[in-house]
Amino acid sequence: AGCRVSARFRRNLQPTLTYWSVFFSFGLCIAFLGPTLLDLRCQTQSSLSQITWVFFSQQFCLLLGSCLGGVFKRTLAQSLFALFASSLAISLVFAIIPLCHNVVVLAVVMAVAGLAMGCIDTISNMQLVKIYQKDSAIFLQALHFFVGFGALLSPLIADPFLSDTNCILSNGTANASSNLPHIRKSLVPHHPGNLSHYDLPMKGMVVTRVSYAFWIMALINLPVPIAVFFLLYKERMVPCFNSSSHPLLSADELAMEARPVEKDDLSTSVHRAHAAGGHDDLFSCCQSKNFRGASYTYFAVHITGALVLFMTDGIVGEYSGFIYSYAVEEPLSVVHKVAGYLPSLFWGFITLGRLISIPVSYRMKPATMVFINVIGVLITFLLLLIFSSSVVFLFVGTASLGLFLSSTFPSMLAYTEDILQYKGCATTVLVTGAGIGEMVLQLLVGSIIHDQGSYSFLVCGMIFGGLAFTFYAFLLFFHRIYPKPSTGKKAPALSPAL
């Protein structure tokens, strides 16, 4: 098995590295907005409540882009051109942001970035699954390591250029300036919280230097669309070559790995791959023609898989968004500077966990990894509730939660695709479910904390973790009764659930 995986990796080295680099673009773009939002507020001379709508425009369009990403699955050329356009758009967005002096224009620019990120998310996952199929778990873990690496890097790039004092100079800014780090870390989508009593001026001289951070990120990201272009060039898909499009999954390669085939057999297998292929965009997946002859377990696997990721990715969004606000309030009352390390610790251990998961996924089945992840999340939240008055355990629990959540998405994707024998719309449905969860649960938890107090933050996490475990138990059940592939079909054999 090891020789087969390494041989396939060597043969697909350039495409694999390209998809990983595109996911680095995704990570770079997903994490910069939080730290830079106050400086962008100054740049656009808008209020705190107005600037948080920029968060929403990015998140909503990311979700929309995830739904539409499968549109470009028909051929490898379409997928690569979509990735080229999306990664180039991210560099252009970084370059244009410093020129946006109106909050509505900034929201539109961030919406474009969200669409690009959504396409990257769906297409990159889909491509790796189609190339590696049963061996995709290890490559998906590496893919999601790169998004974590990008998400860690962009705040580090932005940090030296963030304003230490209020970046709009006017009379009476001293009080607000001293609280600027606290305000920055408390800003989450649609929930400026109890920050309205800070009098941040909207008129005056703008003195932010954050533009340099965005231009640096634009330059760092520029090699990514160049790498995609080189892959297009190598595959002879640049229009001037006038060559025909290649199929997204070279089924002939997969067949040749198993046994030597004749030319006629090869064309038949390619035809079957096209006839069977799912992996459409979300809207194509919902067409009635795709439902004919499908068993209820087919739908159940899609739905339960998406619900697990709805919960786990939702936990990532709500925990990273509200852990700072939870820590600085009663009963913990952690000082602002110390509490500011918690989101960084969380994302750091998510990235570390994804790095560790690359070799682990080679030895462990995706189903087992997801089981360990959801149990770990549940136990961590239970311990956080028990030791809710301990600051030390809050840091330990945050690191633990990051580790357990880190590999859930790629493991879940590999497991669900394996159950469905790489047919259906699992990648699109799972990516969309995860995106909806991240947006919805963050808004839901923000409203609950506002009404019920900070302790409800951990209670919500415990409930979401319990629901994730419940939906995963249902998925295991549906896997047991899902129809096995017949010997006549060229579908990979199913692995045991655990």
Protein backbone atom coordinates (compact mmCIF):
# COMPACT_ATOMS: atom_id res chain seq x y z
CA ALA A 1 0.00 0.00 0.00
CA GLY A 2 2.83 2.38 0.87
CA CYS A 3 4.48 1.83 -2.51
CA ARG A 4 1.18 2.43 -4.29
CA VAL A 5 0.56 5.70 -2.43
CA SER A 6 4.10 7.01 -2.98
CA ALA A 7 4.01 6.03 -6.66
CA ARG A 8 0.71 7.81 -7.15
CA PHE A 9 2.02 10.86 -5.26
CA ARG A 10 5.12 11.02 -7.47
CA ARG A 11 2.99 10.79 -10.61
CA ASN A 12 0.67 13.54 -9.36
CA LEU A 13 3.34 15.63 -7.62
CA GLN A 14 2.77 18.95 -9.42
CA PRO A 15 -1.06 18.91 -9.23
CA THR A 16 -0.96 17.92 -5.55
CA LEU A 17 1.52 20.65 -4.59
CA THR A 18 -0.54 23.16 -6.58
CA TYR A 19 -3.77 22.29 -4.73
CA TRP A 20 -1.94 22.53 -1.41
CA SER A 21 -0.57 25.97 -2.33
CA VAL A 22 -4.05 27.18 -3.35
CA PHE A 23 -5.33 26.18 0.07
CA PHE A 24 -2.54 28.29 1.58
CA SER A 25 -4.21 31.24 -0.24
CA PHE A 26 -7.51 30.25 1.39
CA GLY A 27 -5.92 30.29 4.86
CA LEU A 28 -4.13 33.58 4.24
CA CYS A 29 -7.44 35.20 3.34
CA ILE A 30 -9.61 33.69 6.08
CA ALA A 31 -7.71 34.96 9.15
CA PHE A 32 -6.56 38.53 8.39
CA LEU A 33 -9.91 40.29 8.84
CA GLY A 34 -10.25 39.93 12.63
CA PRO A 35 -6.98 41.64 13.65
CA THR A 36 -7.16 44.34 10.95
CA LEU A 37 -10.84 45.22 11.35
CA LEU A 38 -10.26 48.26 13.60
CA ASP A 39 -7.71 49.72 11.20
CA LEU A 40 -10.12 49.10 8.32
CA ARG A 41 -12.79 50.87 10.39
CA CYS A 42 -10.50 53.89 10.51
CA GLN A 43 -9.71 53.62 6.80
CA THR A 44 -13.42 53.59 5.90
CA GLN A 45 -14.34 55.98 8.77
CA SER A 46 -17.24 53.73 9.80
CA SER A 47 -18.73 52.62 13.13
CA LEU A 48 -18.03 49.31 14.87
CA SER A 49 -21.44 47.93 13.98
CA GLN A 50 -21.03 48.95 10.31
CA ILE A 51 -17.60 47.37 9.92
CA THR A 52 -18.77 43.99 11.30
CA TRP A 53 -20.96 43.66 8.18
CA VAL A 54 -17.71 43.15 6.25
CA PHE A 55 -17.32 39.87 8.18
CA PHE A 56 -20.79 38.81 7.11
CA SER A 57 -20.24 39.63 3.41
CA GLN A 58 -17.09 37.48 3.36
CA GLN A 59 -18.68 34.55 5.24
CA PHE A 60 -21.92 34.55 3.26
CA CYS A 61 -20.13 34.65 -0.11
CA LEU A 62 -17.68 31.97 1.03
CA LEU A 63 -20.69 29.76 1.63
CA LEU A 64 -22.16 30.71 -1.76
CA GLY A 65 -18.83 30.00 -3.46
CA SER A 66 -18.68 26.58 -1.78
CA CYS A 67 -22.12 25.73 -3.19
CA LEU A 68 -21.15 26.89 -6.68
CA GLY A 69 -17.63 25.41 -6.72
CA GLY A 70 -18.82 22.09 -8.10
CA VAL A 71 -19.97 23.85 -11.28
CA PHE A 72 -16.35 23.73 -12.44
CA LYS A 73 -15.93 19.98 -11.96
CA ARG A 74 -16.70 18.86 -15.52
CA THR A 75 -13.11 18.90 -16.77
CA LEU A 76 -9.70 19.43 -15.28
CA ALA A 77 -9.33 22.55 -17.43
CA GLN A 78 -12.46 24.16 -15.94
CA SER A 79 -11.33 23.34 -12.41
CA LEU A 80 -7.83 24.72 -12.93
CA PHE A 81 -9.06 27.91 -14.60
CA ALA A 82 -11.46 28.43 -11.66
CA LEU A 83 -8.57 27.93 -9.20
CA PHE A 84 -6.36 30.29 -11.21
CA ALA A 85 -9.06 32.99 -11.27
CA SER A 86 -9.83 32.50 -7.55
CA SER A 87 -6.20 32.62 -6.34
CA LEU A 88 -5.47 35.62 -8.57
CA ALA A 89 -8.62 37.32 -7.24
CA ILE A 90 -7.32 36.90 -3.67
CA SER A 91 -4.05 38.66 -4.56
CA LEU A 92 -6.02 41.46 -6.26
CA VAL A 93 -8.32 41.76 -3.23
CA PHE A 94 -5.30 42.19 -0.94
CA ALA A 95 -3.96 44.88 -3.28
CA ILE A 96 -7.32 46.69 -3.56
CA ILE A 97 -8.33 46.70 0.14
CA PRO A 98 -6.05 49.69 0.99
CA LEU A 99 -7.86 51.69 -1.72
CA CYS A 100 -11.33 51.06 -0.22
CA HIS A 101 -12.35 54.17 1.71
CA ASN A 102 -16.04 53.30 1.90
CA VAL A 103 -17.39 50.46 4.03
CA VAL A 104 -19.85 49.32 1.32
CA VAL A 105 -17.05 49.10 -1.27
CA LEU A 106 -14.93 47.15 1.24
CA ALA A 107 -17.84 44.75 1.86
CA VAL A 108 -18.20 44.16 -1.91
CA VAL A 109 -14.45 43.49 -2.26
CA MET A 110 -14.59 41.04 0.66
CA ALA A 111 -17.61 39.36 -0.95
CA VAL A 112 -15.48 38.72 -4.05
CA ALA A 113 -12.78 37.26 -1.80
CA GLY A 114 -15.42 35.05 -0.15
CA LEU A 115 -16.60 33.69 -3.52
CA ALA A 116 -13.00 32.92 -4.50
CA MET A 117 -12.35 31.18 -1.17
CA GLY A 118 -15.53 29.09 -1.50
CA CYS A 119 -14.52 27.89 -4.98
CA ILE A 120 -11.03 27.02 -3.72
CA ASP A 121 -12.48 25.10 -0.77
CA THR A 122 -14.75 22.88 -2.86
CA ILE A 123 -12.53 22.36 -5.91
CA SER A 124 -9.28 21.58 -4.05
CA ASN A 125 -10.96 19.01 -1.80
CA MET A 126 -12.79 17.51 -4.77
CA GLN A 127 -9.66 17.27 -6.93
CA LEU A 128 -7.61 15.47 -4.30
CA VAL A 129 -10.43 13.02 -3.57
CA LYS A 130 -10.78 12.27 -7.29
CA ILE A 131 -7.03 11.77 -7.79
CA TYR A 132 -6.31 9.61 -4.73
CA GLN A 133 -9.74 8.12 -3.84
CA LYS A 134 -9.13 5.48 -1.10
CA ASP A 135 -5.67 6.94 -0.45
CA SER A 136 -6.98 10.52 -0.19
CA ALA A 137 -7.02 10.81 3.63
CA ILE A 138 -3.32 11.60 4.06
CA PHE A 139 -3.37 14.16 1.22
CA LEU A 140 -6.52 15.84 2.59
CA GLN A 141 -4.82 16.14 6.00
CA ALA A 142 -1.86 17.88 4.32
CA LEU A 143 -4.25 20.13 2.36
CA HIS A 144 -5.90 21.31 5.57
CA PHE A 145 -2.52 21.84 7.21
CA PHE A 146 -1.81 24.48 4.56
CA VAL A 147 -5.01 26.39 5.34
CA GLY A 148 -3.97 26.40 9.00
CA PHE A 149 -0.48 27.59 8.08
CA GLY A 150 -1.92 30.46 6.02
CA ALA A 151 -4.34 31.35 8.82
CA LEU A 152 -1.42 31.57 11.27
CA LEU A 153 0.77 33.61 8.92
CA SER A 154 -1.59 36.44 7.93
CA PRO A 155 -2.15 37.81 11.50
CA LEU A 156 1.64 37.69 12.04
CA ILE A 157 2.17 39.74 8.87
CA ALA A 158 -0.51 42.24 9.91
CA ASP A 159 0.60 42.64 13.54
CA PRO A 160 3.55 45.07 13.05
CA PHE A 161 1.33 47.43 11.06
CA LEU A 162 -1.68 47.55 13.43
CA SER A 163 -2.32 50.85 15.21
CA ASP A 164 -1.33 51.03 18.89
CA THR A 165 -3.48 54.11 19.39
CA ASN A 166 -6.70 55.19 17.73
CA CYS A 167 -5.99 55.51 14.03
CA ILE A 168 -8.42 58.43 13.57
CA LEU A 169 -6.94 61.46 15.26
CA SER A 170 -9.50 63.82 16.78
CA ASN A 171 -10.34 65.36 20.14
CA GLY A 172 -11.08 63.03 23.09
CA THR A 173 -9.57 59.78 21.78
CA ALA A 174 -7.38 59.02 24.80
CA ASN A 175 -9.83 56.73 26.66
CA ALA A 176 -10.65 54.65 23.61
CA SER A 177 -6.99 54.41 22.58
CA SER A 178 -5.98 52.75 25.84
CA ASN A 179 -8.63 50.06 25.28
CA LEU A 180 -7.82 49.48 21.62
CA PRO A 181 -6.26 45.97 22.03
CA HIS A 182 -9.32 44.88 24.06
CA ILE A 183 -11.72 46.24 21.44
CA ARG A 184 -9.76 44.56 18.64
CA LYS A 185 -9.89 41.11 20.26
CA SER A 186 -13.58 41.49 21.20
CA LEU A 187 -14.76 42.16 17.65
CA VAL A 188 -16.64 39.18 16.18
CA PRO A 189 -19.17 39.06 13.33
CA HIS A 190 -22.36 40.98 14.13
CA HIS A 191 -21.52 41.06 17.81
CA PRO A 192 -19.54 44.16 18.81
CA GLY A 193 -20.88 43.11 22.24
CA ASN A 194 -20.70 45.70 24.97
CA LEU A 195 -18.22 47.88 23.09
CA SER A 196 -20.69 50.59 22.14
CA HIS A 197 -19.77 52.68 25.20
CA TYR A 198 -16.29 53.26 23.77
CA ASP A 199 -16.32 56.55 21.92
CA LEU A 200 -14.37 55.80 18.77
CA PRO A 201 -14.31 58.85 16.49
CA MET A 202 -15.48 58.50 12.90
CA LYS A 203 -14.10 61.79 11.60
CA GLY A 204 -10.57 63.12 11.66
CA MET A 205 -7.13 62.37 10.25
CA VAL A 206 -6.59 58.69 9.37
CA VAL A 207 -3.11 57.51 10.37
CA THR A 208 -3.24 53.73 9.86
CA ARG A 209 -0.32 51.87 8.23
CA VAL A 210 -2.23 48.61 7.66
CA SER A 211 -2.03 49.07 3.87
CA TYR A 212 1.53 47.75 3.91
CA ALA A 213 0.36 44.47 5.47
CA PHE A 214 -2.16 43.90 2.66
CA TRP A 215 0.39 44.67 -0.05
CA ILE A 216 2.85 42.21 1.55
CA MET A 217 0.13 39.53 1.63
CA ALA A 218 -0.71 40.25 -2.03
CA LEU A 219 2.94 39.62 -2.95
CA ILE A 220 3.21 36.48 -0.80
CA ASN A 221 0.09 35.07 -2.45
CA LEU A 222 1.19 35.91 -6.02
CA PRO A 223 3.21 32.67 -6.57
CA VAL A 224 0.00 30.67 -6.05
CA PRO A 225 -1.85 31.74 -9.25
CA ILE A 226 1.52 31.46 -11.06
CA ALA A 227 1.78 27.82 -9.87
CA VAL A 228 -1.77 27.11 -11.11
CA PHE A 229 -0.90 28.72 -14.47
CA PHE A 230 2.19 26.48 -14.78
CA LEU A 231 0.01 23.44 -14.15
CA LEU A 232 -2.37 24.62 -16.88
CA TYR A 233 0.63 25.13 -19.16
CA LYS A 234 2.04 21.69 -18.41
CA GLU A 235 -1.32 20.05 -19.10
CA ARG A 236 -1.54 21.98 -22.40
CA MET A 237 -4.71 23.74 -21.34
CA VAL A 238 -3.65 27.31 -22.03
CA PRO A 239 -5.96 28.45 -24.88
CA CYS A 240 -3.16 29.04 -27.40
CA PHE A 241 -2.46 25.28 -27.47
CA ASN A 242 -6.05 24.53 -28.56
CA SER A 243 -5.95 21.08 -26.98
CA SER A 244 -9.00 19.23 -25.73
CA SER A 245 -9.95 19.22 -22.07
CA HIS A 246 -8.76 16.37 -19.87
CA PRO A 247 -11.21 14.54 -17.63
CA LEU A 248 -11.09 15.55 -13.98
CA LEU A 249 -10.24 12.02 -12.80
CA SER A 250 -8.05 10.05 -15.18
CA ALA A 251 -9.88 6.76 -14.72
CA ASP A 252 -7.43 5.11 -17.11
CA GLU A 253 -4.61 5.73 -14.60
CA LEU A 254 -6.61 4.13 -11.81
CA ALA A 255 -7.44 1.11 -13.98
CA MET A 256 -3.81 0.70 -15.08
CA GLU A 257 -2.69 0.59 -11.44
CA ALA A 258 -4.87 -2.46 -10.82
CA ARG A 259 -4.16 -4.37 -14.05
CA PRO A 260 -3.03 -3.82 -17.65
CA VAL A 261 -6.03 -3.01 -19.83
CA GLU A 262 -6.69 -2.94 -23.51
CA LYS A 263 -7.53 0.29 -25.28
CA ASP A 264 -11.22 -0.65 -25.64
CA ASP A 265 -11.48 -1.44 -21.92
CA LEU A 266 -9.87 1.90 -21.18
CA SER A 267 -12.43 3.90 -23.14
CA THR A 268 -15.23 1.92 -21.47
CA SER A 269 -13.90 2.70 -18.00
CA VAL A 270 -13.62 6.40 -18.84
CA HIS A 271 -17.20 6.38 -20.14
CA ARG A 272 -18.39 4.70 -16.93
CA ALA A 273 -16.54 7.27 -14.84
CA HIS A 274 -18.36 10.06 -16.65
CA ALA A 275 -21.72 8.31 -16.36
CA ALA A 276 -21.32 7.64 -12.67
CA GLY A 277 -19.58 10.80 -11.59
CA GLY A 278 -21.40 12.86 -8.97
CA HIS A 279 -19.48 15.72 -7.40
CA ASP A 280 -21.69 18.40 -8.95
CA ASP A 281 -22.42 21.79 -7.47
CA LEU A 282 -25.04 21.83 -4.72
CA PHE A 283 -27.85 22.88 -7.06
CA SER A 284 -27.10 20.09 -9.56
CA CYS A 285 -26.99 17.63 -6.67
CA CYS A 286 -30.56 18.57 -5.77
CA GLN A 287 -31.97 17.73 -9.21
CA SER A 288 -34.54 14.95 -9.17
CA LYS A 289 -32.68 12.86 -11.78
CA ASN A 290 -29.93 12.22 -9.22
CA PHE A 291 -32.47 10.75 -6.78
CA ARG A 292 -33.82 8.02 -9.06
CA GLY A 293 -33.02 4.57 -7.73
CA ALA A 294 -31.09 5.90 -4.74
CA SER A 295 -31.68 4.23 -1.38
CA TYR A 296 -32.55 6.21 1.74
CA THR A 297 -29.12 5.34 3.14
CA TYR A 298 -27.54 7.26 0.23
CA PHE A 299 -29.26 10.46 1.43
CA ALA A 300 -28.69 9.60 5.09
CA VAL A 301 -24.90 9.35 4.61
CA HIS A 302 -24.81 12.77 2.89
CA ILE A 303 -27.00 14.39 5.56
CA THR A 304 -25.39 12.90 8.67
CA GLY A 305 -21.88 13.60 7.32
CA ALA A 306 -22.81 17.23 6.66
CA LEU A 307 -24.42 17.56 10.12
CA VAL A 308 -21.26 16.30 11.86
CA LEU A 309 -19.23 18.97 10.08
CA PHE A 310 -21.97 21.57 10.67
CA MET A 311 -21.36 21.03 14.40
CA THR A 312 -17.57 20.63 14.45
CA ASP A 313 -16.79 23.53 12.08
CA GLY A 314 -19.42 25.56 13.92
CA ILE A 315 -17.51 24.89 17.16
CA VAL A 316 -14.30 26.14 15.49
CA GLY A 317 -16.06 29.38 14.47
CA GLU A 318 -17.81 30.07 17.75
CA TYR A 319 -14.89 29.06 19.99
CA SER A 320 -12.30 31.16 18.14
CA GLY A 321 -14.76 34.06 17.99
CA PHE A 322 -15.84 34.14 21.65
CA ILE A 323 -13.08 32.56 23.76
CA TYR A 324 -11.45 35.96 24.36
CA SER A 325 -14.74 37.55 25.43
CA TYR A 326 -15.46 34.58 27.72
CA ALA A 327 -12.01 34.74 29.36
CA VAL A 328 -12.06 38.47 30.23
CA GLU A 329 -15.50 38.33 31.86
CA GLU A 330 -16.53 36.89 35.25
CA PRO A 331 -15.72 34.48 36.85
CA LEU A 332 -12.28 34.11 35.19
CA SER A 333 -11.54 37.84 34.66
CA VAL A 334 -8.31 37.13 32.76
CA VAL A 335 -6.35 40.30 31.97
CA HIS A 336 -6.80 41.46 28.38
CA LYS A 337 -3.21 40.82 27.28
CA VAL A 338 -3.16 37.21 28.58
CA ALA A 339 -6.63 36.43 27.19
CA GLY A 340 -5.42 37.65 23.79
CA TYR A 341 -3.18 34.55 23.54
CA LEU A 342 -6.17 32.16 23.65
CA PRO A 343 -7.37 32.51 20.01
CA SER A 344 -3.74 32.24 18.81
CA LEU A 345 -3.23 29.13 20.99
CA PHE A 346 -6.41 27.61 19.56
CA TRP A 347 -5.40 28.17 15.92
CA GLY A 348 -1.81 27.16 16.65
CA PHE A 349 -2.89 23.76 17.97
CA ILE A 350 -5.32 23.31 15.06
CA THR A 351 -2.34 23.77 12.72
CA LEU A 352 -0.13 21.50 14.85
CA GLY A 353 -2.87 18.87 14.93
CA ARG A 354 -3.16 18.95 11.15
CA LEU A 355 0.59 18.47 10.83
CA ILE A 356 0.53 15.50 13.26
CA SER A 357 -2.48 14.04 11.40
CA ILE A 358 -0.54 13.67 8.14
CA PRO A 359 1.55 10.65 9.33
CA VAL A 360 -1.22 9.43 11.68
CA SER A 361 -3.76 9.20 8.83
CA TYR A 362 -1.36 6.87 7.00
CA ARG A 363 -1.74 4.31 9.82
CA MET A 364 -5.26 5.02 11.07
CA LYS A 365 -8.58 4.77 9.24
CA PRO A 366 -10.49 8.07 8.71
CA ALA A 367 -13.51 6.66 10.60
CA THR A 368 -11.37 5.96 13.67
CA MET A 369 -9.84 9.45 13.54
CA VAL A 370 -13.26 11.11 13.42
CA PHE A 371 -14.43 8.96 16.34
CA ILE A 372 -11.42 10.03 18.45
CA ASN A 373 -11.99 13.66 17.42
CA VAL A 374 -15.67 13.90 18.39
CA ILE A 375 -15.12 12.00 21.68
CA GLY A 376 -12.15 14.28 22.44
CA VAL A 377 -14.19 17.43 21.78
CA LEU A 378 -17.00 16.16 24.03
CA ILE A 379 -14.67 15.26 26.91
CA THR A 380 -12.75 18.54 26.61
CA PHE A 381 -15.93 20.62 26.87
CA LEU A 382 -17.08 18.49 29.83
CA LEU A 383 -13.78 19.16 31.64
CA LEU A 384 -13.93 22.86 30.74
CA LEU A 385 -17.36 23.00 32.40
CA ILE A 386 -16.14 21.11 35.50
CA PHE A 387 -13.03 23.31 35.87
CA SER A 388 -14.72 26.51 34.66
CA SER A 389 -13.05 28.58 37.40
CA SER A 390 -9.51 27.49 36.43
CA VAL A 391 -7.56 29.82 34.10
CA VAL A 392 -4.81 27.20 33.66
CA PHE A 393 -7.28 24.57 32.49
CA LEU A 394 -8.87 27.08 30.11
CA PHE A 395 -5.52 27.25 28.29
CA VAL A 396 -5.06 23.46 28.45
CA GLY A 397 -8.63 22.89 27.23
CA THR A 398 -8.21 25.40 24.38
CA ALA A 399 -5.08 23.59 23.16
CA SER A 400 -6.82 20.20 23.50
CA LEU A 401 -9.87 21.40 21.61
CA GLY A 402 -7.68 22.70 18.77
CA LEU A 403 -5.95 19.31 18.49
CA PHE A 404 -9.19 17.31 18.41
CA LEU A 405 -10.94 19.62 15.93
CA SER A 406 -7.92 19.89 13.61
CA SER A 407 -8.34 16.73 11.54
CA THR A 408 -12.12 16.31 11.71
CA PHE A 409 -12.95 17.85 8.33
CA PRO A 410 -10.43 15.99 6.12
CA SER A 411 -11.03 12.67 7.94
CA MET A 412 -14.79 13.06 7.64
CA LEU A 413 -14.53 13.89 3.95
CA ALA A 414 -12.32 10.86 3.23
CA TYR A 415 -14.60 8.56 5.24
CA THR A 416 -17.88 9.76 3.68
CA GLU A 417 -16.51 9.62 0.12
CA ASP A 418 -15.30 6.08 0.82
CA ILE A 419 -18.78 4.99 2.00
CA LEU A 420 -20.37 6.42 -1.15
CA GLN A 421 -17.73 4.79 -3.40
CA TYR A 422 -16.72 8.24 -4.71
CA LYS A 423 -20.13 8.91 -6.24
CA GLY A 424 -22.82 11.33 -5.19
CA CYS A 425 -22.12 14.84 -3.99
CA ALA A 426 -20.35 14.25 -0.71
CA THR A 427 -17.57 16.83 -1.11
CA THR A 428 -19.93 19.65 -2.10
CA VAL A 429 -22.52 18.78 0.57
CA LEU A 430 -19.92 18.44 3.35
CA VAL A 431 -18.08 21.66 2.45
CA THR A 432 -21.41 23.51 2.34
CA GLY A 433 -22.58 22.00 5.65
CA ALA A 434 -19.32 23.02 7.34
CA GLY A 435 -19.60 26.58 5.98
CA ILE A 436 -23.20 26.98 7.13
CA GLY A 437 -22.30 25.67 10.59
CA GLU A 438 -19.40 28.08 11.00
CA MET A 439 -21.61 31.05 10.14
CA VAL A 440 -24.85 30.04 11.89
CA LEU A 441 -23.43 28.75 15.19
CA GLN A 442 -21.29 31.86 15.62
CA LEU A 443 -24.35 34.08 15.27
CA LEU A 444 -26.42 31.78 17.51
CA VAL A 445 -23.83 31.63 20.31
CA GLY A 446 -23.34 35.42 20.17
CA SER A 447 -27.05 35.94 20.75
CA ILE A 448 -27.17 33.38 23.59
CA ILE A 449 -24.13 34.89 25.37
CA HIS A 450 -25.72 38.33 25.08
CA ASP A 451 -28.94 37.08 26.74
CA GLN A 452 -27.70 34.38 29.15
CA GLY A 453 -24.16 35.43 30.12
CA SER A 454 -20.67 34.11 29.42
CA TYR A 455 -21.10 30.67 31.08
CA SER A 456 -23.54 29.68 28.31
CA PHE A 457 -20.54 29.76 25.91
CA LEU A 458 -19.22 26.45 27.31
CA VAL A 459 -22.73 24.96 27.64
CA CYS A 460 -23.34 25.64 23.93
CA GLY A 461 -20.01 23.98 23.04
CA MET A 462 -20.95 20.92 25.10
CA ILE A 463 -24.34 20.68 23.36
CA PHE A 464 -22.78 21.05 19.88
CA GLY A 465 -20.15 18.42 20.73
CA GLY A 466 -22.87 16.03 21.92
CA LEU A 467 -24.85 16.58 18.72
CA ALA A 468 -21.70 15.97 16.61
CA PHE A 469 -21.17 12.64 18.39
CA THR A 470 -24.86 11.69 17.95
CA PHE A 471 -24.83 12.44 14.21
CA TYR A 472 -21.57 10.49 13.84
CA ALA A 473 -23.17 7.48 15.57
CA PHE A 474 -26.01 7.69 13.01
CA LEU A 475 -23.43 7.84 10.20
CA LEU A 476 -21.77 4.66 11.49
CA PHE A 477 -25.18 2.97 11.55
CA PHE A 478 -25.99 4.02 7.97
CA HIS A 479 -22.54 2.84 6.86
CA ARG A 480 -23.31 -0.64 8.25
CA ILE A 481 -26.49 -0.94 6.19
CA TYR A 482 -25.26 0.95 3.09
CA PRO A 483 -25.33 -1.43 0.06
CA LYS A 484 -21.90 -2.87 -0.74
CA PRO A 485 -20.62 -2.49 -4.31
CA SER A 486 -21.21 -5.52 -6.50
CA THR A 487 -18.22 -7.29 -7.99
CA GLY A 488 -19.15 -6.15 -11.47
CA LYS A 489 -18.72 -2.49 -10.64
CA LYS A 490 -15.33 -0.84 -10.44
CA ALA A 491 -15.88 0.67 -7.03
CA PRO A 492 -13.44 0.47 -4.13
CA ALA A 493 -14.29 -2.01 -1.38
CA LEU A 494 -15.69 -0.50 1.78
CA SER A 495 -13.57 -0.54 4.89
CA PRO A 496 -15.01 -1.43 8.31
CA ALA A 497 -16.50 1.50 10.18
CA LEU A 498 -13.94 1.44 13.01
